Amino acid sequence: MKGTQLGEFEELVLLTIALLFDDAYSVAVVETLSEKLERPMSLGAVHRTMQRLEEKGMVSSRFGDATAERGGRSKRLFTVTLAGEQALREMRRIRNELWAGIPKTAWSGL
């Protein structure tokens, strides 16, 4: 398994895969991220990130059933692994700890 550190975009893609659960394939991840982030996402960047997450052991993939709407091709579906879940939980813990530690006076009236 490659390194277990997550970059920001990797974290977003991994969270989106978890959100989509049993329907997490490249196009659905791109559409969901584009909607949530309110900006267009590159299919190539998302697909490569999903491959990298699989190399790191954060996700696993399988091929779904072939469908007529896809010309008889199968979707490659991704699922978050235990290692991916642990990485996300650790990232959330660290972020929450950092947010909780920011003094109220650090925000200029916000």
PDB file of N, CA and C in Angstrom:
ATOM      1  N   MET A   1       0.847  -1.176   0.000  1.00  0.00           N
ATOM      2  CA  MET A   1       0.000   0.000   0.000  1.00  0.00           C
ATOM      3  C   MET A   1       0.888   1.233   0.000  1.00  0.00           C
ATOM      4  N   LYS A   2       0.556   2.193  -0.863  1.00  0.00           N
ATOM      5  CA  LYS A   2       1.280   3.457  -0.916  1.00  0.00           C
ATOM      6  C   LYS A   2       1.017   4.256   0.345  1.00  0.00           C
ATOM      7  N   GLY A   3       1.570   5.473   0.412  1.00  0.00           N
ATOM      8  CA  GLY A   3       1.404   6.334   1.574  1.00  0.00           C
ATOM      9  C   GLY A   3      -0.050   6.523   1.977  1.00  0.00           C
ATOM     10  N   THR A   4      -0.254   6.819   3.244  1.00  0.00           N
ATOM     11  CA  THR A   4      -1.613   6.937   3.756  1.00  0.00           C
ATOM     12  C   THR A   4      -2.035   8.386   3.976  1.00  0.00           C
ATOM     13  N   GLN A   5      -1.185   9.339   3.640  1.00  0.00           N
ATOM     14  CA  GLN A   5      -1.558  10.743   3.773  1.00  0.00           C
ATOM     15  C   GLN A   5      -2.547  11.109   2.676  1.00  0.00           C
ATOM     16  N   LEU A   6      -3.534  11.923   3.030  1.00  0.00           N
ATOM     17  CA  LEU A   6      -4.517  12.375   2.059  1.00  0.00           C
ATOM     18  C   LEU A   6      -4.311  13.844   1.737  1.00  0.00           C
ATOM     19  N   GLY A   7      -4.305  14.155   0.458  1.00  0.00           N
ATOM     20  CA  GLY A   7      -4.321  15.546   0.038  1.00  0.00           C
ATOM     21  C   GLY A   7      -5.751  16.059   0.117  1.00  0.00           C
ATOM     22  N   GLU A   8      -5.923  17.365  -0.003  1.00  0.00           N
ATOM     23  CA  GLU A   8      -7.260  17.966   0.104  1.00  0.00           C
ATOM     24  C   GLU A   8      -8.217  17.411  -0.952  1.00  0.00           C
ATOM     25  N   PHE A   9      -7.767  17.348  -2.208  1.00  0.00           N
ATOM     26  CA  PHE A   9      -8.645  16.848  -3.260  1.00  0.00           C
ATOM     27  C   PHE A   9      -8.944  15.363  -3.068  1.00  0.00           C
ATOM     28  N   GLU A  10      -7.939  14.597  -2.636  1.00  0.00           N
ATOM     29  CA  GLU A  10      -8.164  13.180  -2.341  1.00  0.00           C
ATOM     30  C   GLU A  10      -9.223  13.016  -1.258  1.00  0.00           C
ATOM     31  N   GLU A  11      -9.157  13.863  -0.239  1.00  0.00           N
ATOM     32  CA  GLU A  11     -10.139  13.803   0.838  1.00  0.00           C
ATOM     33  C   GLU A  11     -11.542  14.086   0.302  1.00  0.00           C
ATOM     34  N   LEU A  12     -11.673  15.094  -0.546  1.00  0.00           N
ATOM     35  CA  LEU A  12     -12.977  15.419  -1.123  1.00  0.00           C
ATOM     36  C   LEU A  12     -13.513  14.282  -1.984  1.00  0.00           C
ATOM     37  N   VAL A  13     -12.656  13.681  -2.793  1.00  0.00           N
ATOM     38  CA  VAL A  13     -13.080  12.557  -3.629  1.00  0.00           C
ATOM     39  C   VAL A  13     -13.469  11.370  -2.756  1.00  0.00           C
ATOM     40  N   LEU A  14     -12.686  11.088  -1.736  1.00  0.00           N
ATOM     41  CA  LEU A  14     -12.988   9.970  -0.843  1.00  0.00           C
ATOM     42  C   LEU A  14     -14.310  10.186  -0.107  1.00  0.00           C
ATOM     43  N   LEU A  15     -14.538  11.399   0.361  1.00  0.00           N
ATOM     44  CA  LEU A  15     -15.817  11.723   1.004  1.00  0.00           C
ATOM     45  C   LEU A  15     -16.985  11.553   0.032  1.00  0.00           C
ATOM     46  N   THR A  16     -16.778  11.941  -1.207  1.00  0.00           N
ATOM     47  CA  THR A  16     -17.833  11.813  -2.210  1.00  0.00           C
ATOM     48  C   THR A  16     -18.118  10.349  -2.523  1.00  0.00           C
ATOM     49  N   ILE A  17     -17.087   9.540  -2.580  1.00  0.00           N
ATOM     50  CA  ILE A  17     -17.285   8.096  -2.788  1.00  0.00           C
ATOM     51  C   ILE A  17     -18.111   7.519  -1.639  1.00  0.00           C
ATOM     52  N   ALA A  18     -17.801   7.928  -0.417  1.00  0.00           N
ATOM     53  CA  ALA A  18     -18.571   7.463   0.737  1.00  0.00           C
ATOM     54  C   ALA A  18     -20.024   7.950   0.640  1.00  0.00           C
ATOM     55  N   LEU A  19     -20.206   9.189   0.236  1.00  0.00           N
ATOM     56  CA  LEU A  19     -21.542   9.763   0.103  1.00  0.00           C
ATOM     57  C   LEU A  19     -22.379   9.002  -0.926  1.00  0.00           C
ATOM     58  N   LEU A  20     -21.779   8.668  -2.045  1.00  0.00           N
ATOM     59  CA  LEU A  20     -22.490   7.968  -3.116  1.00  0.00           C
ATOM     60  C   LEU A  20     -22.661   6.484  -2.829  1.00  0.00           C
ATOM     61  N   PHE A  21     -21.914   5.985  -1.887  1.00  0.00           N
ATOM     62  CA  PHE A  21     -21.952   4.614  -1.393  1.00  0.00           C
ATOM     63  C   PHE A  21     -21.914   3.588  -2.518  1.00  0.00           C
ATOM     64  N   ASP A  22     -23.041   3.055  -2.915  1.00  0.00           N
ATOM     65  CA  ASP A  22     -23.050   1.941  -3.863  1.00  0.00           C
ATOM     66  C   ASP A  22     -23.158   2.394  -5.316  1.00  0.00           C
ATOM     67  N   ASP A  23     -23.107   3.705  -5.563  1.00  0.00           N
ATOM     68  CA  ASP A  23     -23.209   4.219  -6.921  1.00  0.00           C
ATOM     69  C   ASP A  23     -22.049   5.156  -7.228  1.00  0.00           C
ATOM     70  N   ALA A  24     -20.892   4.882  -6.634  1.00  0.00           N
ATOM     71  CA  ALA A  24     -19.722   5.750  -6.789  1.00  0.00           C
ATOM     72  C   ALA A  24     -18.883   5.305  -7.984  1.00  0.00           C
ATOM     73  N   TYR A  25     -19.112   5.950  -9.104  1.00  0.00           N
ATOM     74  CA  TYR A  25     -18.274   5.747 -10.284  1.00  0.00           C
ATOM     75  C   TYR A  25     -17.826   7.129 -10.749  1.00  0.00           C
ATOM     76  N   SER A  26     -16.861   7.181 -11.631  1.00  0.00           N
ATOM     77  CA  SER A  26     -16.197   8.445 -11.975  1.00  0.00           C
ATOM     78  C   SER A  26     -17.152   9.578 -12.319  1.00  0.00           C
ATOM     79  N   VAL A  27     -18.097   9.343 -13.209  1.00  0.00           N
ATOM     80  CA  VAL A  27     -18.985  10.413 -13.658  1.00  0.00           C
ATOM     81  C   VAL A  27     -19.852  10.912 -12.504  1.00  0.00           C
ATOM     82  N   ALA A  28     -20.369  10.003 -11.680  1.00  0.00           N
ATOM     83  CA  ALA A  28     -21.196  10.412 -10.537  1.00  0.00           C
ATOM     84  C   ALA A  28     -20.379  11.226  -9.537  1.00  0.00           C
ATOM     85  N   VAL A  29     -19.125  10.857  -9.330  1.00  0.00           N
ATOM     86  CA  VAL A  29     -18.257  11.604  -8.415  1.00  0.00           C
ATOM     87  C   VAL A  29     -18.013  13.005  -8.970  1.00  0.00           C
ATOM     88  N   VAL A  30     -17.730  13.109 -10.274  1.00  0.00           N
ATOM     89  CA  VAL A  30     -17.511  14.414 -10.908  1.00  0.00           C
ATOM     90  C   VAL A  30     -18.752  15.288 -10.762  1.00  0.00           C
ATOM     91  N   GLU A  31     -19.917  14.728 -11.062  1.00  0.00           N
ATOM     92  CA  GLU A  31     -21.163  15.504 -10.985  1.00  0.00           C
ATOM     93  C   GLU A  31     -21.443  15.978  -9.562  1.00  0.00           C
ATOM     94  N   THR A  32     -21.255  15.096  -8.589  1.00  0.00           N
ATOM     95  CA  THR A  32     -21.513  15.453  -7.193  1.00  0.00           C
ATOM     96  C   THR A  32     -20.538  16.515  -6.712  1.00  0.00           C
ATOM     97  N   LEU A  33     -19.248  16.333  -7.002  1.00  0.00           N
ATOM     98  CA  LEU A  33     -18.248  17.322  -6.590  1.00  0.00           C
ATOM     99  C   LEU A  33     -18.503  18.673  -7.262  1.00  0.00           C
ATOM    100  N   SER A  34     -18.823  18.658  -8.541  1.00  0.00           N
ATOM    101  CA  SER A  34     -19.102  19.906  -9.257  1.00  0.00           C
ATOM    102  C   SER A  34     -20.267  20.643  -8.620  1.00  0.00           C
ATOM    103  N   GLU A  35     -21.290  19.894  -8.235  1.00  0.00           N
ATOM    104  CA  GLU A  35     -22.455  20.497  -7.599  1.00  0.00           C
ATOM    105  C   GLU A  35     -22.111  21.046  -6.221  1.00  0.00           C
ATOM    106  N   LYS A  36     -21.432  20.263  -5.407  1.00  0.00           N
ATOM    107  CA  LYS A  36     -21.115  20.681  -4.037  1.00  0.00           C
ATOM    108  C   LYS A  36     -20.121  21.835  -4.005  1.00  0.00           C
ATOM    109  N   LEU A  37     -19.126  21.798  -4.885  1.00  0.00           N
ATOM    110  CA  LEU A  37     -18.086  22.829  -4.895  1.00  0.00           C
ATOM    111  C   LEU A  37     -18.454  24.023  -5.772  1.00  0.00           C
ATOM    112  N   GLU A  38     -19.555  23.877  -6.496  1.00  0.00           N
ATOM    113  CA  GLU A  38     -20.044  24.944  -7.388  1.00  0.00           C
ATOM    114  C   GLU A  38     -18.978  25.392  -8.385  1.00  0.00           C
ATOM    115  N   ARG A  39     -18.299  24.411  -8.951  1.00  0.00           N
ATOM    116  CA  ARG A  39     -17.337  24.677 -10.021  1.00  0.00           C
ATOM    117  C   ARG A  39     -17.139  23.381 -10.810  1.00  0.00           C
ATOM    118  N   PRO A  40     -16.765  23.507 -12.066  1.00  0.00           N
ATOM    119  CA  PRO A  40     -16.603  22.297 -12.882  1.00  0.00           C
ATOM    120  C   PRO A  40     -15.400  21.474 -12.431  1.00  0.00           C
ATOM    121  N   MET A  41     -15.550  20.175 -12.507  1.00  0.00           N
ATOM    122  CA  MET A  41     -14.478  19.247 -12.169  1.00  0.00           C
ATOM    123  C   MET A  41     -14.046  18.516 -13.432  1.00  0.00           C
ATOM    124  N   SER A  42     -12.795  18.186 -13.507  1.00  0.00           N
ATOM    125  CA  SER A  42     -12.257  17.436 -14.636  1.00  0.00           C
ATOM    126  C   SER A  42     -12.434  15.933 -14.383  1.00  0.00           C
ATOM    127  N   LEU A  43     -13.038  15.245 -15.346  1.00  0.00           N
ATOM    128  CA  LEU A  43     -13.210  13.798 -15.220  1.00  0.00           C
ATOM    129  C   LEU A  43     -11.855  13.110 -15.084  1.00  0.00           C
ATOM    130  N   GLY A  44     -10.872  13.574 -15.846  1.00  0.00           N
ATOM    131  CA  GLY A  44      -9.539  12.978 -15.780  1.00  0.00           C
ATOM    132  C   GLY A  44      -8.898  13.123 -14.413  1.00  0.00           C
ATOM    133  N   ALA A  45      -9.025  14.310 -13.811  1.00  0.00           N
ATOM    134  CA  ALA A  45      -8.436  14.540 -12.486  1.00  0.00           C
ATOM    135  C   ALA A  45      -9.113  13.671 -11.433  1.00  0.00           C
ATOM    136  N   VAL A  46     -10.431  13.572 -11.511  1.00  0.00           N
ATOM    137  CA  VAL A  46     -11.167  12.746 -10.539  1.00  0.00           C
ATOM    138  C   VAL A  46     -10.834  11.278 -10.742  1.00  0.00           C
ATOM    139  N   HIS A  47     -10.814  10.830 -11.985  1.00  0.00           N
ATOM    140  CA  HIS A  47     -10.518   9.423 -12.263  1.00  0.00           C
ATOM    141  C   HIS A  47      -9.122   9.055 -11.767  1.00  0.00           C
ATOM    142  N   ARG A  48      -8.141   9.902 -12.033  1.00  0.00           N
ATOM    143  CA  ARG A  48      -6.768   9.630 -11.578  1.00  0.00           C
ATOM    144  C   ARG A  48      -6.698   9.616 -10.052  1.00  0.00           C
ATOM    145  N   THR A  49      -7.428  10.505  -9.415  1.00  0.00           N
ATOM    146  CA  THR A  49      -7.450  10.539  -7.950  1.00  0.00           C
ATOM    147  C   THR A  49      -8.073   9.266  -7.395  1.00  0.00           C
ATOM    148  N   MET A  50      -9.122   8.775  -8.037  1.00  0.00           N
ATOM    149  CA  MET A  50      -9.749   7.527  -7.600  1.00  0.00           C
ATOM    150  C   MET A  50      -8.768   6.359  -7.752  1.00  0.00           C
ATOM    151  N   GLN A  51      -7.998   6.349  -8.824  1.00  0.00           N
ATOM    152  CA  GLN A  51      -6.980   5.311  -9.008  1.00  0.00           C
ATOM    153  C   GLN A  51      -5.907   5.402  -7.919  1.00  0.00           C
ATOM    154  N   ARG A  52      -5.480   6.635  -7.627  1.00  0.00           N
ATOM    155  CA  ARG A  52      -4.461   6.841  -6.597  1.00  0.00           C
ATOM    156  C   ARG A  52      -4.976   6.379  -5.233  1.00  0.00           C
ATOM    157  N   LEU A  53      -6.252   6.674  -4.933  1.00  0.00           N
ATOM    158  CA  LEU A  53      -6.838   6.229  -3.665  1.00  0.00           C
ATOM    159  C   LEU A  53      -6.884   4.697  -3.601  1.00  0.00           C
ATOM    160  N   GLU A  54      -7.118   4.074  -4.739  1.00  0.00           N
ATOM    161  CA  GLU A  54      -7.111   2.606  -4.754  1.00  0.00           C
ATOM    162  C   GLU A  54      -5.700   2.074  -4.528  1.00  0.00           C
ATOM    163  N   GLU A  55      -4.706   2.716  -5.128  1.00  0.00           N
ATOM    164  CA  GLU A  55      -3.314   2.317  -4.914  1.00  0.00           C
ATOM    165  C   GLU A  55      -2.923   2.455  -3.447  1.00  0.00           C
ATOM    166  N   LYS A  56      -3.468   3.455  -2.769  1.00  0.00           N
ATOM    167  CA  LYS A  56      -3.189   3.676  -1.349  1.00  0.00           C
ATOM    168  C   LYS A  56      -4.002   2.753  -0.446  1.00  0.00           C
ATOM    169  N   GLY A  57      -4.931   1.996  -1.021  1.00  0.00           N
ATOM    170  CA  GLY A  57      -5.750   1.088  -0.230  1.00  0.00           C
ATOM    171  C   GLY A  57      -6.931   1.765   0.450  1.00  0.00           C
ATOM    172  N   MET A  58      -7.252   2.995   0.036  1.00  0.00           N
ATOM    173  CA  MET A  58      -8.352   3.749   0.649  1.00  0.00           C
ATOM    174  C   MET A  58      -9.712   3.380   0.051  1.00  0.00           C
ATOM    175  N   VAL A  59      -9.701   2.882  -1.187  1.00  0.00           N
ATOM    176  CA  VAL A  59     -10.921   2.432  -1.851  1.00  0.00           C
ATOM    177  C   VAL A  59     -10.631   1.118  -2.559  1.00  0.00           C
ATOM    178  N   SER A  60     -11.694   0.395  -2.834  1.00  0.00           N
ATOM    179  CA  SER A  60     -11.589  -0.784  -3.691  1.00  0.00           C
ATOM    180  C   SER A  60     -12.592  -0.578  -4.820  1.00  0.00           C
ATOM    181  N   SER A  61     -12.397  -1.291  -5.912  1.00  0.00           N
ATOM    182  CA  SER A  61     -13.319  -1.131  -7.036  1.00  0.00           C
ATOM    183  C   SER A  61     -13.746  -2.494  -7.553  1.00  0.00           C
ATOM    184  N   ARG A  62     -14.890  -2.471  -8.213  1.00  0.00           N
ATOM    185  CA  ARG A  62     -15.429  -3.661  -8.853  1.00  0.00           C
ATOM    186  C   ARG A  62     -16.208  -3.193 -10.074  1.00  0.00           C
ATOM    187  N   PHE A  63     -16.471  -4.092 -10.988  1.00  0.00           N
ATOM    188  CA  PHE A  63     -17.261  -3.735 -12.146  1.00  0.00           C
ATOM    189  C   PHE A  63     -18.709  -4.125 -11.910  1.00  0.00           C
ATOM    190  N   GLY A  64     -19.611  -3.168 -12.166  1.00  0.00           N
ATOM    191  CA  GLY A  64     -21.042  -3.421 -12.055  1.00  0.00           C
ATOM    192  C   GLY A  64     -21.531  -4.157 -13.293  1.00  0.00           C
ATOM    193  N   ASP A  65     -22.823  -4.353 -13.349  1.00  0.00           N
ATOM    194  CA  ASP A  65     -23.423  -5.022 -14.499  1.00  0.00           C
ATOM    195  C   ASP A  65     -23.349  -4.126 -15.735  1.00  0.00           C
ATOM    196  N   ALA A  66     -23.219  -4.766 -16.877  1.00  0.00           N
ATOM    197  CA  ALA A  66     -23.252  -4.042 -18.138  1.00  0.00           C
ATOM    198  C   ALA A  66     -24.672  -3.540 -18.380  1.00  0.00           C
ATOM    199  N   THR A  67     -24.794  -2.352 -18.935  1.00  0.00           N
ATOM    200  CA  THR A  67     -26.111  -1.782 -19.202  1.00  0.00           C
ATOM    201  C   THR A  67     -26.213  -1.359 -20.662  1.00  0.00           C
ATOM    202  N   ALA A  68     -27.430  -1.411 -21.189  1.00  0.00           N
ATOM    203  CA  ALA A  68     -27.671  -1.011 -22.574  1.00  0.00           C
ATOM    204  C   ALA A  68     -27.385   0.474 -22.765  1.00  0.00           C
ATOM    205  N   GLU A  69     -27.722   1.281 -21.746  1.00  0.00           N
ATOM    206  CA  GLU A  69     -27.489   2.727 -21.865  1.00  0.00           C
ATOM    207  C   GLU A  69     -26.018   3.070 -21.986  1.00  0.00           C
ATOM    208  N   ARG A  70     -25.146   2.168 -21.565  1.00  0.00           N
ATOM    209  CA  ARG A  70     -23.701   2.389 -21.674  1.00  0.00           C
ATOM    210  C   ARG A  70     -23.113   1.562 -22.815  1.00  0.00           C
ATOM    211  N   GLY A  71     -23.976   1.114 -23.727  1.00  0.00           N
ATOM    212  CA  GLY A  71     -23.496   0.341 -24.875  1.00  0.00           C
ATOM    213  C   GLY A  71     -22.948  -1.016 -24.486  1.00  0.00           C
ATOM    214  N   GLY A  72     -23.500  -1.596 -23.418  1.00  0.00           N
ATOM    215  CA  GLY A  72     -23.063  -2.912 -22.965  1.00  0.00           C
ATOM    216  C   GLY A  72     -21.823  -2.897 -22.086  1.00  0.00           C
ATOM    217  N   ARG A  73     -21.361  -1.716 -21.747  1.00  0.00           N
ATOM    218  CA  ARG A  73     -20.172  -1.612 -20.889  1.00  0.00           C
ATOM    219  C   ARG A  73     -20.575  -1.556 -19.426  1.00  0.00           C
ATOM    220  N   SER A  74     -19.649  -1.949 -18.568  1.00  0.00           N
ATOM    221  CA  SER A  74     -19.869  -1.923 -17.123  1.00  0.00           C
ATOM    222  C   SER A  74     -19.306  -0.653 -16.514  1.00  0.00           C
ATOM    223  N   LYS A  75     -19.926  -0.202 -15.427  1.00  0.00           N
ATOM    224  CA  LYS A  75     -19.377   0.903 -14.640  1.00  0.00           C
ATOM    225  C   LYS A  75     -18.360   0.322 -13.672  1.00  0.00           C
ATOM    226  N   ARG A  76     -17.298   1.063 -13.434  1.00  0.00           N
ATOM    227  CA  ARG A  76     -16.339   0.687 -12.397  1.00  0.00           C
ATOM    228  C   ARG A  76     -16.778   1.413 -11.129  1.00  0.00           C
ATOM    229  N   LEU A  77     -17.249   0.655 -10.163  1.00  0.00           N
ATOM    230  CA  LEU A  77     -17.791   1.203  -8.923  1.00  0.00           C
ATOM    231  C   LEU A  77     -16.746   1.155  -7.820  1.00  0.00           C
ATOM    232  N   PHE A  78     -16.680   2.218  -7.039  1.00  0.00           N
ATOM    233  CA  PHE A  78     -15.696   2.331  -5.972  1.00  0.00           C
ATOM    234  C   PHE A  78     -16.383   2.321  -4.613  1.00  0.00           C
ATOM    235  N   THR A  79     -15.711   1.731  -3.637  1.00  0.00           N
ATOM    236  CA  THR A  79     -16.204   1.654  -2.264  1.00  0.00           C
ATOM    237  C   THR A  79     -15.065   2.026  -1.320  1.00  0.00           C
ATOM    238  N   VAL A  80     -15.379   2.762  -0.278  1.00  0.00           N
ATOM    239  CA  VAL A  80     -14.378   3.132   0.721  1.00  0.00           C
ATOM    240  C   VAL A  80     -14.016   1.898   1.546  1.00  0.00           C
ATOM    241  N   THR A  81     -12.731   1.661   1.720  1.00  0.00           N
ATOM    242  CA  THR A  81     -12.253   0.541   2.532  1.00  0.00           C
ATOM    243  C   THR A  81     -12.157   0.976   4.001  1.00  0.00           C
ATOM    244  N   LEU A  82     -11.844   0.036   4.860  1.00  0.00           N
ATOM    245  CA  LEU A  82     -11.638   0.345   6.276  1.00  0.00           C
ATOM    246  C   LEU A  82     -10.517   1.371   6.434  1.00  0.00           C
ATOM    247  N   ALA A  83      -9.437   1.206   5.668  1.00  0.00           N
ATOM    248  CA  ALA A  83      -8.321   2.169   5.733  1.00  0.00           C
ATOM    249  C   ALA A  83      -8.788   3.555   5.306  1.00  0.00           C
ATOM    250  N   GLY A  84      -9.639   3.629   4.291  1.00  0.00           N
ATOM    251  CA  GLY A  84     -10.175   4.910   3.847  1.00  0.00           C
ATOM    252  C   GLY A  84     -11.062   5.544   4.901  1.00  0.00           C
ATOM    253  N   GLU A  85     -11.900   4.728   5.522  1.00  0.00           N
ATOM    254  CA  GLU A  85     -12.764   5.233   6.595  1.00  0.00           C
ATOM    255  C   GLU A  85     -11.929   5.769   7.755  1.00  0.00           C
ATOM    256  N   GLN A  86     -10.896   5.019   8.129  1.00  0.00           N
ATOM    257  CA  GLN A  86     -10.032   5.452   9.228  1.00  0.00           C
ATOM    258  C   GLN A  86      -9.325   6.757   8.886  1.00  0.00           C
ATOM    259  N   ALA A  87      -8.871   6.891   7.654  1.00  0.00           N
ATOM    260  CA  ALA A  87      -8.191   8.119   7.229  1.00  0.00           C
ATOM    261  C   ALA A  87      -9.149   9.304   7.290  1.00  0.00           C
ATOM    262  N   LEU A  88     -10.387   9.107   6.829  1.00  0.00           N
ATOM    263  CA  LEU A  88     -11.373  10.188   6.881  1.00  0.00           C
ATOM    264  C   LEU A  88     -11.719  10.564   8.314  1.00  0.00           C
ATOM    265  N   ARG A  89     -11.875   9.578   9.167  1.00  0.00           N
ATOM    266  CA  ARG A  89     -12.197   9.872  10.572  1.00  0.00           C
ATOM    267  C   ARG A  89     -11.045  10.630  11.246  1.00  0.00           C
ATOM    268  N   GLU A  90      -9.816  10.261  10.910  1.00  0.00           N
ATOM    269  CA  GLU A  90      -8.651  10.939  11.476  1.00  0.00           C
ATOM    270  C   GLU A  90      -8.573  12.379  10.966  1.00  0.00           C
ATOM    271  N   MET A  91      -8.833  12.577   9.681  1.00  0.00           N
ATOM    272  CA  MET A  91      -8.832  13.939   9.127  1.00  0.00           C
ATOM    273  C   MET A  91      -9.913  14.785   9.802  1.00  0.00           C
ATOM    274  N   ARG A  92     -11.087  14.211  10.030  1.00  0.00           N
ATOM    275  CA  ARG A  92     -12.168  14.959  10.692  1.00  0.00           C
ATOM    276  C   ARG A  92     -11.768  15.291  12.128  1.00  0.00           C
ATOM    277  N   ARG A  93     -11.136  14.346  12.814  1.00  0.00           N
ATOM    278  CA  ARG A  93     -10.704  14.589  14.195  1.00  0.00           C
ATOM    279  C   ARG A  93      -9.712  15.743  14.245  1.00  0.00           C
ATOM    280  N   ILE A  94      -8.742  15.724  13.344  1.00  0.00           N
ATOM    281  CA  ILE A  94      -7.721  16.774  13.317  1.00  0.00           C
ATOM    282  C   ILE A  94      -8.354  18.126  12.993  1.00  0.00           C
ATOM    283  N   ARG A  95      -9.212  18.161  11.992  1.00  0.00           N
ATOM    284  CA  ARG A  95      -9.869  19.418  11.625  1.00  0.00           C
ATOM    285  C   ARG A  95     -10.718  19.952  12.778  1.00  0.00           C
ATOM    286  N   ASN A  96     -11.497  19.076  13.404  1.00  0.00           N
ATOM    287  CA  ASN A  96     -12.344  19.508  14.527  1.00  0.00           C
ATOM    288  C   ASN A  96     -11.498  20.044  15.677  1.00  0.00           C
ATOM    289  N   GLU A  97     -10.390  19.384  15.944  1.00  0.00           N
ATOM    290  CA  GLU A  97      -9.491  19.822  17.017  1.00  0.00           C
ATOM    291  C   GLU A  97      -8.906  21.200  16.695  1.00  0.00           C
ATOM    292  N   LEU A  98      -8.510  21.384  15.454  1.00  0.00           N
ATOM    293  CA  LEU A  98      -7.964  22.683  15.050  1.00  0.00           C
ATOM    294  C   LEU A  98      -9.031  23.765  15.125  1.00  0.00           C
ATOM    295  N   TRP A  99     -10.218  23.498  14.602  1.00  0.00           N
ATOM    296  CA  TRP A  99     -11.310  24.479  14.658  1.00  0.00           C
ATOM    297  C   TRP A  99     -11.659  24.833  16.095  1.00  0.00           C
ATOM    298  N   ALA A 100     -11.715  23.822  16.949  1.00  0.00           N
ATOM    299  CA  ALA A 100     -12.081  24.048  18.351  1.00  0.00           C
ATOM    300  C   ALA A 100     -11.028  24.887  19.076  1.00  0.00           C
ATOM    301  N   GLY A 101      -9.788  24.813  18.606  1.00  0.00           N
ATOM    302  CA  GLY A 101      -8.707  25.537  19.270  1.00  0.00           C
ATOM    303  C   GLY A 101      -8.555  26.990  18.836  1.00  0.00           C
ATOM    304  N   ILE A 102      -9.278  27.400  17.826  1.00  0.00           N
ATOM    305  CA  ILE A 102      -9.161  28.782  17.353  1.00  0.00           C
ATOM    306  C   ILE A 102      -9.883  29.707  18.334  1.00  0.00           C
ATOM    307  N   PRO A 103      -9.166  30.659  18.897  1.00  0.00           N
ATOM    308  CA  PRO A 103      -9.830  31.584  19.837  1.00  0.00           C
ATOM    309  C   PRO A 103     -10.847  32.463  19.102  1.00  0.00           C
ATOM    310  N   LYS A 104     -11.926  32.760  19.778  1.00  0.00           N
ATOM    311  CA  LYS A 104     -12.973  33.592  19.184  1.00  0.00           C
ATOM    312  C   LYS A 104     -12.426  34.941  18.715  1.00  0.00           C
ATOM    313  N   THR A 105     -11.416  35.432  19.409  1.00  0.00           N
ATOM    314  CA  THR A 105     -10.834  36.723  19.029  1.00  0.00           C
ATOM    315  C   THR A 105     -10.034  36.664  17.733  1.00  0.00           C
ATOM    316  N   ALA A 106      -9.775  35.434  17.220  1.00  0.00           N
ATOM    317  CA  ALA A 106      -9.022  35.292  15.987  1.00  0.00           C
ATOM    318  C   ALA A 106      -9.846  35.721  14.772  1.00  0.00           C
ATOM    319  N   TRP A 107     -11.153  35.714  14.927  1.00  0.00           N
ATOM    320  CA  TRP A 107     -12.042  36.108  13.834  1.00  0.00           C
ATOM    321  C   TRP A 107     -12.412  37.562  14.005  1.00  0.00           C
ATOM    322  N   SER A 108     -12.149  38.346  13.036  1.00  0.00           N
ATOM    323  CA  SER A 108     -12.413  39.777  13.110  1.00  0.00           C
ATOM    324  C   SER A 108     -13.913  40.075  12.989  1.00  0.00           C
ATOM    325  N   GLY A 109     -14.649  39.703  14.014  1.00  0.00           N
ATOM    326  CA  GLY A 109     -16.073  40.006  14.083  1.00  0.00           C
ATOM    327  C   GLY A 109     -16.964  39.069  13.298  1.00  0.00           C
ATOM    328  N   LEU A 110     -16.437  38.017  12.725  1.00  0.00           N
ATOM    329  CA  LEU A 110     -17.271  37.107  11.940  1.00  0.00           C
ATOM    330  C   LEU A 110     -18.022  36.162  12.814  1.00  0.00           C
TER     331      LEU A 110
END
